[in-house]
Amino acid sequence: MRFLLDTFHAHSYTRRMKTKTAALILAAGQGKRMHSSIPKVLHSCAGLPLVAHVVKLALATKCDPIVVVVDPQGSRVRETLTALFPKATLLFAIQPVAKGTGDAAHVGLRALGKFDGDVLVLCGDAPLLTPSTLARLRKEKRDALITMLYASVDHPKGYGRVIRQGRNVLSIVEERDATAAQKAVHEINAGVYLCGAGFFAQGRRKVAKPQCTKRILSYRCGNAGSPIPRCCGCLR
């Protein structure tokens, strides 16, 4: 599997350089496919719950604040994380109704209040990301509005496809919405984004049906009036 970084540019949106980074960890998924009464993000991996690895990553990369988005029954997640990280300042935001990843991200953004730095969006069930990958993500972002992480895989079925035209990223299309040609694409969305809080919020307000974060980001970038050039190589 290759991990690749793409940076979106939208020159019609003015962005100031920022140094602070907040982490937004999406941990409200019910994990129905796991057929377990244990919340998906609390399943164990290498001796820790999945989401604990993600919190460790956010702490290691000096993210502050760290917001964990949970569902209304997320007390187990809260109790587990506060017990594992007693010295960490963790904020918990509740997604009242499961309306998808985009809505969960919106809930997390509201918890950030007037935070004006960059927002790192992470999935609570992705324990294998490393600080070096996120360091590269930050480095590639530079003065861009948004950077995303995606992967090239042999069997992409079930994942959102990254649709490009030459070196320009056009959109991210879910499997259920993809055409036959789009399903043949092997570049998939990894669900990790880094962008300015203001930019993310503007994109969120443009989306009438916030089923997923990817539509928020691709909508905002794709309608900013300028191309979205690919700008980097890959991580192995």
C-alpha atoms as a PDB file:
ATOM      1  CA  MET A   1       0.000   0.000   0.000  1.00  0.00           C
ATOM      2  CA  ARG A   2       1.285   3.471  -0.832  1.00  0.00           C
ATOM      3  CA  PHE A   3       0.283   6.500   1.187  1.00  0.00           C
ATOM      4  CA  LEU A   4       0.186   9.656  -0.885  1.00  0.00           C
ATOM      5  CA  LEU A   5      -0.315  13.292  -0.039  1.00  0.00           C
ATOM      6  CA  ASP A   6      -2.246  15.725  -2.165  1.00  0.00           C
ATOM      7  CA  THR A   7      -2.535  19.426  -1.492  1.00  0.00           C
ATOM      8  CA  PHE A   8      -5.531  21.433  -2.625  1.00  0.00           C
ATOM      9  CA  HIS A   9      -5.103  25.106  -3.553  1.00  0.00           C
ATOM     10  CA  ALA A  10      -7.977  27.573  -3.866  1.00  0.00           C
ATOM     11  CA  HIS A  11      -6.568  31.000  -4.607  1.00  0.00           C
ATOM     12  CA  SER A  12      -9.880  32.812  -4.153  1.00  0.00           C
ATOM     13  CA  TYR A  13      -9.714  32.161  -0.424  1.00  0.00           C
ATOM     14  CA  THR A  14      -7.165  34.174   1.564  1.00  0.00           C
ATOM     15  CA  ARG A  15      -5.474  32.251   4.344  1.00  0.00           C
ATOM     16  CA  ARG A  16      -3.168  33.514   7.071  1.00  0.00           C
ATOM     17  CA  MET A  17      -0.246  31.388   8.228  1.00  0.00           C
ATOM     18  CA  LYS A  18      -1.126  29.589  11.438  1.00  0.00           C
ATOM     19  CA  THR A  19       0.929  27.576  13.891  1.00  0.00           C
ATOM     20  CA  LYS A  20      -1.614  25.968  16.219  1.00  0.00           C
ATOM     21  CA  THR A  21      -3.188  22.658  15.269  1.00  0.00           C
ATOM     22  CA  ALA A  22      -6.279  21.115  16.843  1.00  0.00           C
ATOM     23  CA  ALA A  23      -7.108  17.432  16.453  1.00  0.00           C
ATOM     24  CA  LEU A  24     -10.630  16.334  15.667  1.00  0.00           C
ATOM     25  CA  ILE A  25     -10.983  12.601  16.312  1.00  0.00           C
ATOM     26  CA  LEU A  26     -14.144  11.054  14.885  1.00  0.00           C
ATOM     27  CA  ALA A  27     -15.176   8.251  17.234  1.00  0.00           C
ATOM     28  CA  ALA A  28     -18.974   8.169  17.008  1.00  0.00           C
ATOM     29  CA  GLY A  29     -19.270   5.292  14.532  1.00  0.00           C
ATOM     30  CA  GLN A  30     -21.430   2.425  15.740  1.00  0.00           C
ATOM     31  CA  GLY A  31     -19.420  -0.312  14.053  1.00  0.00           C
ATOM     32  CA  LYS A  32     -22.449  -2.433  13.165  1.00  0.00           C
ATOM     33  CA  ARG A  33     -20.378  -4.604  10.840  1.00  0.00           C
ATOM     34  CA  MET A  34     -18.320  -5.780  13.833  1.00  0.00           C
ATOM     35  CA  HIS A  35     -21.397  -7.438  15.420  1.00  0.00           C
ATOM     36  CA  SER A  36     -20.238  -6.501  18.906  1.00  0.00           C
ATOM     37  CA  SER A  37     -21.695  -4.664  21.870  1.00  0.00           C
ATOM     38  CA  ILE A  38     -18.319  -2.969  22.360  1.00  0.00           C
ATOM     39  CA  PRO A  39     -18.026   0.401  20.612  1.00  0.00           C
ATOM     40  CA  LYS A  40     -15.913   0.033  17.487  1.00  0.00           C
ATOM     41  CA  VAL A  41     -13.180   2.402  18.645  1.00  0.00           C
ATOM     42  CA  LEU A  42     -12.771   0.506  21.935  1.00  0.00           C
ATOM     43  CA  HIS A  43     -11.816  -2.780  20.316  1.00  0.00           C
ATOM     44  CA  SER A  44      -8.269  -3.660  21.252  1.00  0.00           C
ATOM     45  CA  CYS A  45      -5.207  -3.406  19.014  1.00  0.00           C
ATOM     46  CA  ALA A  46      -1.680  -4.031  20.332  1.00  0.00           C
ATOM     47  CA  GLY A  47      -2.846  -3.763  23.918  1.00  0.00           C
ATOM     48  CA  LEU A  48      -4.817  -0.525  23.602  1.00  0.00           C
ATOM     49  CA  PRO A  49      -8.235   0.487  22.305  1.00  0.00           C
ATOM     50  CA  LEU A  50      -8.140   1.659  18.680  1.00  0.00           C
ATOM     51  CA  VAL A  51      -9.011   5.230  19.598  1.00  0.00           C
ATOM     52  CA  ALA A  52      -6.292   5.365  22.262  1.00  0.00           C
ATOM     53  CA  HIS A  53      -3.651   4.946  19.560  1.00  0.00           C
ATOM     54  CA  VAL A  54      -5.162   7.916  17.726  1.00  0.00           C
ATOM     55  CA  VAL A  55      -5.170  10.072  20.862  1.00  0.00           C
ATOM     56  CA  LYS A  56      -1.527   9.119  21.473  1.00  0.00           C
ATOM     57  CA  LEU A  57      -0.741  10.229  17.939  1.00  0.00           C
ATOM     58  CA  ALA A  58      -2.485  13.577  18.429  1.00  0.00           C
ATOM     59  CA  LEU A  59      -0.582  14.143  21.667  1.00  0.00           C
ATOM     60  CA  ALA A  60       2.719  13.130  20.091  1.00  0.00           C
ATOM     61  CA  THR A  61       2.218  15.656  17.310  1.00  0.00           C
ATOM     62  CA  LYS A  62       1.449  18.444  19.823  1.00  0.00           C
ATOM     63  CA  CYS A  63      -2.175  18.942  18.814  1.00  0.00           C
ATOM     64  CA  ASP A  64      -4.058  21.218  21.179  1.00  0.00           C
ATOM     65  CA  PRO A  65      -6.959  21.133  21.754  1.00  0.00           C
ATOM     66  CA  ILE A  66      -7.996  17.536  21.066  1.00  0.00           C
ATOM     67  CA  VAL A  67     -11.704  16.972  20.464  1.00  0.00           C
ATOM     68  CA  VAL A  68     -13.147  13.446  20.454  1.00  0.00           C
ATOM     69  CA  VAL A  69     -16.582  13.175  18.823  1.00  0.00           C
ATOM     70  CA  VAL A  70     -18.728  10.418  20.346  1.00  0.00           C
ATOM     71  CA  ASP A  71     -22.334   9.248  20.085  1.00  0.00           C
ATOM     72  CA  PRO A  72     -24.903   9.776  22.890  1.00  0.00           C
ATOM     73  CA  GLN A  73     -23.826   6.452  24.442  1.00  0.00           C
ATOM     74  CA  GLY A  74     -20.183   7.468  24.300  1.00  0.00           C
ATOM     75  CA  SER A  75     -19.608   7.460  28.055  1.00  0.00           C
ATOM     76  CA  ARG A  76     -17.508   4.292  27.764  1.00  0.00           C
ATOM     77  CA  VAL A  77     -15.224   5.999  25.281  1.00  0.00           C
ATOM     78  CA  ARG A  78     -14.940   9.072  27.519  1.00  0.00           C
ATOM     79  CA  GLU A  79     -14.237   7.007  30.642  1.00  0.00           C
ATOM     80  CA  THR A  80     -11.676   4.851  28.873  1.00  0.00           C
ATOM     81  CA  LEU A  81      -9.736   7.756  27.416  1.00  0.00           C
ATOM     82  CA  THR A  82      -9.763   9.875  30.569  1.00  0.00           C
ATOM     83  CA  ALA A  83      -8.451   6.864  32.511  1.00  0.00           C
ATOM     84  CA  LEU A  84      -5.709   6.171  29.960  1.00  0.00           C
ATOM     85  CA  PHE A  85      -4.705   9.832  29.570  1.00  0.00           C
ATOM     86  CA  PRO A  86      -5.341  11.438  32.983  1.00  0.00           C
ATOM     87  CA  LYS A  87      -3.003  14.379  32.321  1.00  0.00           C
ATOM     88  CA  ALA A  88      -4.271  15.153  28.831  1.00  0.00           C
ATOM     89  CA  THR A  89      -6.856  17.851  28.196  1.00  0.00           C
ATOM     90  CA  LEU A  90      -9.435  16.078  26.079  1.00  0.00           C
ATOM     91  CA  LEU A  91     -12.696  17.634  24.951  1.00  0.00           C
ATOM     92  CA  PHE A  92     -15.665  15.422  24.144  1.00  0.00           C
ATOM     93  CA  ALA A  93     -18.413  16.439  21.739  1.00  0.00           C
ATOM     94  CA  ILE A  94     -21.620  14.444  21.314  1.00  0.00           C
ATOM     95  CA  GLN A  95     -23.124  13.771  17.897  1.00  0.00           C
ATOM     96  CA  PRO A  96     -26.835  13.455  18.840  1.00  0.00           C
ATOM     97  CA  VAL A  97     -27.904  11.588  15.700  1.00  0.00           C
ATOM     98  CA  ALA A  98     -25.733   9.457  13.434  1.00  0.00           C
ATOM     99  CA  LYS A  99     -25.802  11.560  10.264  1.00  0.00           C
ATOM    100  CA  GLY A 100     -22.425  10.553   8.913  1.00  0.00           C
ATOM    101  CA  THR A 101     -18.847  11.687   9.078  1.00  0.00           C
ATOM    102  CA  GLY A 102     -19.473  15.196   7.805  1.00  0.00           C
ATOM    103  CA  ASP A 103     -21.988  15.915  10.530  1.00  0.00           C
ATOM    104  CA  ALA A 104     -19.615  14.455  13.134  1.00  0.00           C
ATOM    105  CA  ALA A 105     -16.905  16.801  11.897  1.00  0.00           C
ATOM    106  CA  HIS A 106     -19.331  19.728  12.189  1.00  0.00           C
ATOM    107  CA  VAL A 107     -20.072  18.752  15.799  1.00  0.00           C
ATOM    108  CA  GLY A 108     -16.350  18.692  16.520  1.00  0.00           C
ATOM    109  CA  LEU A 109     -15.830  22.072  14.875  1.00  0.00           C
ATOM    110  CA  ARG A 110     -18.507  23.619  17.072  1.00  0.00           C
ATOM    111  CA  ALA A 111     -16.665  22.297  20.128  1.00  0.00           C
ATOM    112  CA  LEU A 112     -13.551  24.161  18.959  1.00  0.00           C
ATOM    113  CA  GLY A 113     -15.415  27.444  19.318  1.00  0.00           C
ATOM    114  CA  LYS A 114     -13.382  30.385  18.009  1.00  0.00           C
ATOM    115  CA  PHE A 115     -10.223  28.345  17.431  1.00  0.00           C
ATOM    116  CA  ASP A 116      -8.450  29.923  14.471  1.00  0.00           C
ATOM    117  CA  GLY A 117      -5.641  27.502  13.690  1.00  0.00           C
ATOM    118  CA  ASP A 118      -5.408  24.375  11.583  1.00  0.00           C
ATOM    119  CA  VAL A 119      -7.645  21.358  12.148  1.00  0.00           C
ATOM    120  CA  LEU A 120      -6.334  17.817  11.781  1.00  0.00           C
ATOM    121  CA  VAL A 121      -9.219  15.412  11.122  1.00  0.00           C
ATOM    122  CA  LEU A 122      -8.499  11.828  12.205  1.00  0.00           C
ATOM    123  CA  CYS A 123     -10.583   8.657  12.314  1.00  0.00           C
ATOM    124  CA  GLY A 124     -10.887   7.052  15.723  1.00  0.00           C
ATOM    125  CA  ASP A 125     -10.512   3.558  14.257  1.00  0.00           C
ATOM    126  CA  ALA A 126      -7.218   4.154  12.393  1.00  0.00           C
ATOM    127  CA  PRO A 127      -4.450   3.135  14.824  1.00  0.00           C
ATOM    128  CA  LEU A 128      -1.577   2.659  12.355  1.00  0.00           C
ATOM    129  CA  LEU A 129      -0.846   6.269  11.421  1.00  0.00           C
ATOM    130  CA  THR A 130       2.544   7.478  12.605  1.00  0.00           C
ATOM    131  CA  PRO A 131       3.916  10.868  13.713  1.00  0.00           C
ATOM    132  CA  SER A 132       6.247  10.833  10.709  1.00  0.00           C
ATOM    133  CA  THR A 133       3.302  10.538   8.312  1.00  0.00           C
ATOM    134  CA  LEU A 134       1.553  13.484   9.948  1.00  0.00           C
ATOM    135  CA  ALA A 135       4.794  15.467   9.974  1.00  0.00           C
ATOM    136  CA  ARG A 136       4.984  14.961   6.220  1.00  0.00           C
ATOM    137  CA  LEU A 137       1.340  15.955   5.904  1.00  0.00           C
ATOM    138  CA  ARG A 138       2.054  19.214   7.734  1.00  0.00           C
ATOM    139  CA  LYS A 139       5.187  19.866   5.714  1.00  0.00           C
ATOM    140  CA  GLU A 140       3.382  19.393   2.418  1.00  0.00           C
ATOM    141  CA  LYS A 141       0.600  21.723   3.467  1.00  0.00           C
ATOM    142  CA  ARG A 142       2.827  24.794   3.736  1.00  0.00           C
ATOM    143  CA  ASP A 143       0.563  27.722   2.787  1.00  0.00           C
ATOM    144  CA  ALA A 144      -2.093  25.565   1.111  1.00  0.00           C
ATOM    145  CA  LEU A 145      -5.676  25.561   2.311  1.00  0.00           C
ATOM    146  CA  ILE A 146      -6.005  21.812   2.733  1.00  0.00           C
ATOM    147  CA  THR A 147      -3.942  18.659   2.541  1.00  0.00           C
ATOM    148  CA  MET A 148      -5.346  15.144   2.456  1.00  0.00           C
ATOM    149  CA  LEU A 149      -3.956  11.661   2.822  1.00  0.00           C
ATOM    150  CA  TYR A 150      -4.919   8.901   0.429  1.00  0.00           C
ATOM    151  CA  ALA A 151      -3.690   5.451  -0.486  1.00  0.00           C
ATOM    152  CA  SER A 152      -3.171   3.412  -3.621  1.00  0.00           C
ATOM    153  CA  VAL A 153      -4.444  -0.137  -3.064  1.00  0.00           C
ATOM    154  CA  ASP A 154      -4.877  -3.271  -5.144  1.00  0.00           C
ATOM    155  CA  HIS A 155      -8.458  -3.905  -4.029  1.00  0.00           C
ATOM    156  CA  PRO A 156     -10.313  -0.591  -3.536  1.00  0.00           C
ATOM    157  CA  LYS A 157     -13.839  -1.998  -3.307  1.00  0.00           C
ATOM    158  CA  GLY A 158     -15.889  -0.353  -0.562  1.00  0.00           C
ATOM    159  CA  TYR A 159     -13.753   2.770  -0.258  1.00  0.00           C
ATOM    160  CA  GLY A 160     -14.241   6.321  -1.484  1.00  0.00           C
ATOM    161  CA  ARG A 161     -12.291   6.902  -4.704  1.00  0.00           C
ATOM    162  CA  VAL A 162     -10.051   9.920  -5.254  1.00  0.00           C
ATOM    163  CA  ILE A 163     -10.972  11.203  -8.705  1.00  0.00           C
ATOM    164  CA  ARG A 164      -8.294  13.142 -10.571  1.00  0.00           C
ATOM    165  CA  GLN A 165      -7.980  14.726 -13.986  1.00  0.00           C
ATOM    166  CA  GLY A 166      -4.301  14.565 -14.732  1.00  0.00           C
ATOM    167  CA  ARG A 167      -2.678  16.166 -11.697  1.00  0.00           C
ATOM    168  CA  ASN A 168      -5.866  17.886 -10.537  1.00  0.00           C
ATOM    169  CA  VAL A 169      -8.029  16.305  -7.815  1.00  0.00           C
ATOM    170  CA  LEU A 170     -11.682  16.765  -8.731  1.00  0.00           C
ATOM    171  CA  SER A 171     -13.613  14.949  -6.015  1.00  0.00           C
ATOM    172  CA  ILE A 172     -13.908  11.961  -3.717  1.00  0.00           C
ATOM    173  CA  VAL A 173     -16.723   9.587  -4.660  1.00  0.00           C
ATOM    174  CA  GLU A 174     -18.198   6.953  -2.384  1.00  0.00           C
ATOM    175  CA  GLU A 175     -18.467   3.387  -3.678  1.00  0.00           C
ATOM    176  CA  ARG A 176     -22.263   3.529  -3.731  1.00  0.00           C
ATOM    177  CA  ASP A 177     -22.197   6.690  -5.872  1.00  0.00           C
ATOM    178  CA  ALA A 178     -19.368   5.698  -8.198  1.00  0.00           C
ATOM    179  CA  THR A 179     -19.705   4.880 -11.878  1.00  0.00           C
ATOM    180  CA  ALA A 180     -18.047   1.794 -13.323  1.00  0.00           C
ATOM    181  CA  ALA A 181     -15.112   3.923 -14.476  1.00  0.00           C
ATOM    182  CA  GLN A 182     -14.718   5.493 -11.045  1.00  0.00           C
ATOM    183  CA  LYS A 183     -14.853   2.109  -9.342  1.00  0.00           C
ATOM    184  CA  ALA A 184     -11.848   1.094 -11.442  1.00  0.00           C
ATOM    185  CA  VAL A 185      -9.765   3.799  -9.703  1.00  0.00           C
ATOM    186  CA  HIS A 186      -7.301   2.388  -7.150  1.00  0.00           C
ATOM    187  CA  GLU A 187      -6.639   5.602  -5.222  1.00  0.00           C
ATOM    188  CA  ILE A 188      -8.799   5.705  -2.093  1.00  0.00           C
ATOM    189  CA  ASN A 189      -9.522   8.285   0.558  1.00  0.00           C
ATOM    190  CA  ALA A 190      -7.773   7.640   3.887  1.00  0.00           C
ATOM    191  CA  GLY A 191     -10.016  10.043   5.795  1.00  0.00           C
ATOM    192  CA  VAL A 192      -7.190  12.237   7.129  1.00  0.00           C
ATOM    193  CA  TYR A 193      -7.275  15.964   6.424  1.00  0.00           C
ATOM    194  CA  LEU A 194      -5.421  19.076   7.532  1.00  0.00           C
ATOM    195  CA  CYS A 195      -6.991  22.450   6.860  1.00  0.00           C
ATOM    196  CA  GLY A 196      -7.749  25.832   8.373  1.00  0.00           C
ATOM    197  CA  ALA A 197     -10.702  25.932  10.773  1.00  0.00           C
ATOM    198  CA  GLY A 198     -12.295  28.844   8.928  1.00  0.00           C
ATOM    199  CA  PHE A 199     -11.963  27.142   5.572  1.00  0.00           C
ATOM    200  CA  PHE A 200     -13.451  23.922   6.927  1.00  0.00           C
ATOM    201  CA  ALA A 201     -16.376  25.787   8.486  1.00  0.00           C
ATOM    202  CA  GLN A 202     -17.119  27.629   5.241  1.00  0.00           C
ATOM    203  CA  GLY A 203     -17.179  24.349   3.347  1.00  0.00           C
ATOM    204  CA  ARG A 204     -19.509  22.825   5.934  1.00  0.00           C
ATOM    205  CA  ARG A 205     -22.022  25.642   5.537  1.00  0.00           C
ATOM    206  CA  LYS A 206     -22.117  25.048   1.763  1.00  0.00           C
ATOM    207  CA  VAL A 207     -23.303  21.452   2.090  1.00  0.00           C
ATOM    208  CA  ALA A 208     -27.039  20.871   2.493  1.00  0.00           C
ATOM    209  CA  LYS A 209     -26.742  17.140   3.245  1.00  0.00           C
ATOM    210  CA  PRO A 210     -23.563  16.581   5.268  1.00  0.00           C
ATOM    211  CA  GLN A 211     -23.203  12.825   4.861  1.00  0.00           C
ATOM    212  CA  CYS A 212     -19.435  12.863   4.713  1.00  0.00           C
ATOM    213  CA  THR A 213     -16.397  15.006   5.326  1.00  0.00           C
ATOM    214  CA  LYS A 214     -15.075  14.299   1.840  1.00  0.00           C
ATOM    215  CA  ARG A 215     -18.035  16.019   0.184  1.00  0.00           C
ATOM    216  CA  ILE A 216     -17.519  19.075   2.363  1.00  0.00           C
ATOM    217  CA  LEU A 217     -13.893  19.372   1.382  1.00  0.00           C
ATOM    218  CA  SER A 218     -14.207  18.509  -2.291  1.00  0.00           C
ATOM    219  CA  TYR A 219     -17.222  20.817  -2.659  1.00  0.00           C
ATOM    220  CA  ARG A 220     -15.428  23.799  -1.178  1.00  0.00           C
ATOM    221  CA  CYS A 221     -12.245  23.221  -3.166  1.00  0.00           C
ATOM    222  CA  GLY A 222     -13.961  22.251  -6.373  1.00  0.00           C
ATOM    223  CA  ASN A 223     -16.024  25.430  -6.432  1.00  0.00           C
ATOM    224  CA  ALA A 224     -13.340  27.894  -5.448  1.00  0.00           C
ATOM    225  CA  GLY A 225     -12.723  28.959  -9.024  1.00  0.00           C
ATOM    226  CA  SER A 226      -9.261  27.542  -9.526  1.00  0.00           C
ATOM    227  CA  PRO A 227      -7.579  24.204 -10.326  1.00  0.00           C
ATOM    228  CA  ILE A 228      -6.663  21.786  -7.565  1.00  0.00           C
ATOM    229  CA  PRO A 229      -3.143  20.622  -8.425  1.00  0.00           C
ATOM    230  CA  ARG A 230      -1.462  17.559  -7.037  1.00  0.00           C
ATOM    231  CA  CYS A 231       1.797  18.547  -5.404  1.00  0.00           C
ATOM    232  CA  CYS A 232       3.693  15.678  -3.858  1.00  0.00           C
ATOM    233  CA  GLY A 233       4.869  12.106  -4.062  1.00  0.00           C
ATOM    234  CA  CYS A 234       4.180   9.222  -1.727  1.00  0.00           C
ATOM    235  CA  LEU A 235       5.000   7.751   1.652  1.00  0.00           C
ATOM    236  CA  ARG A 236       5.874   4.101   1.896  1.00  0.00           C
END
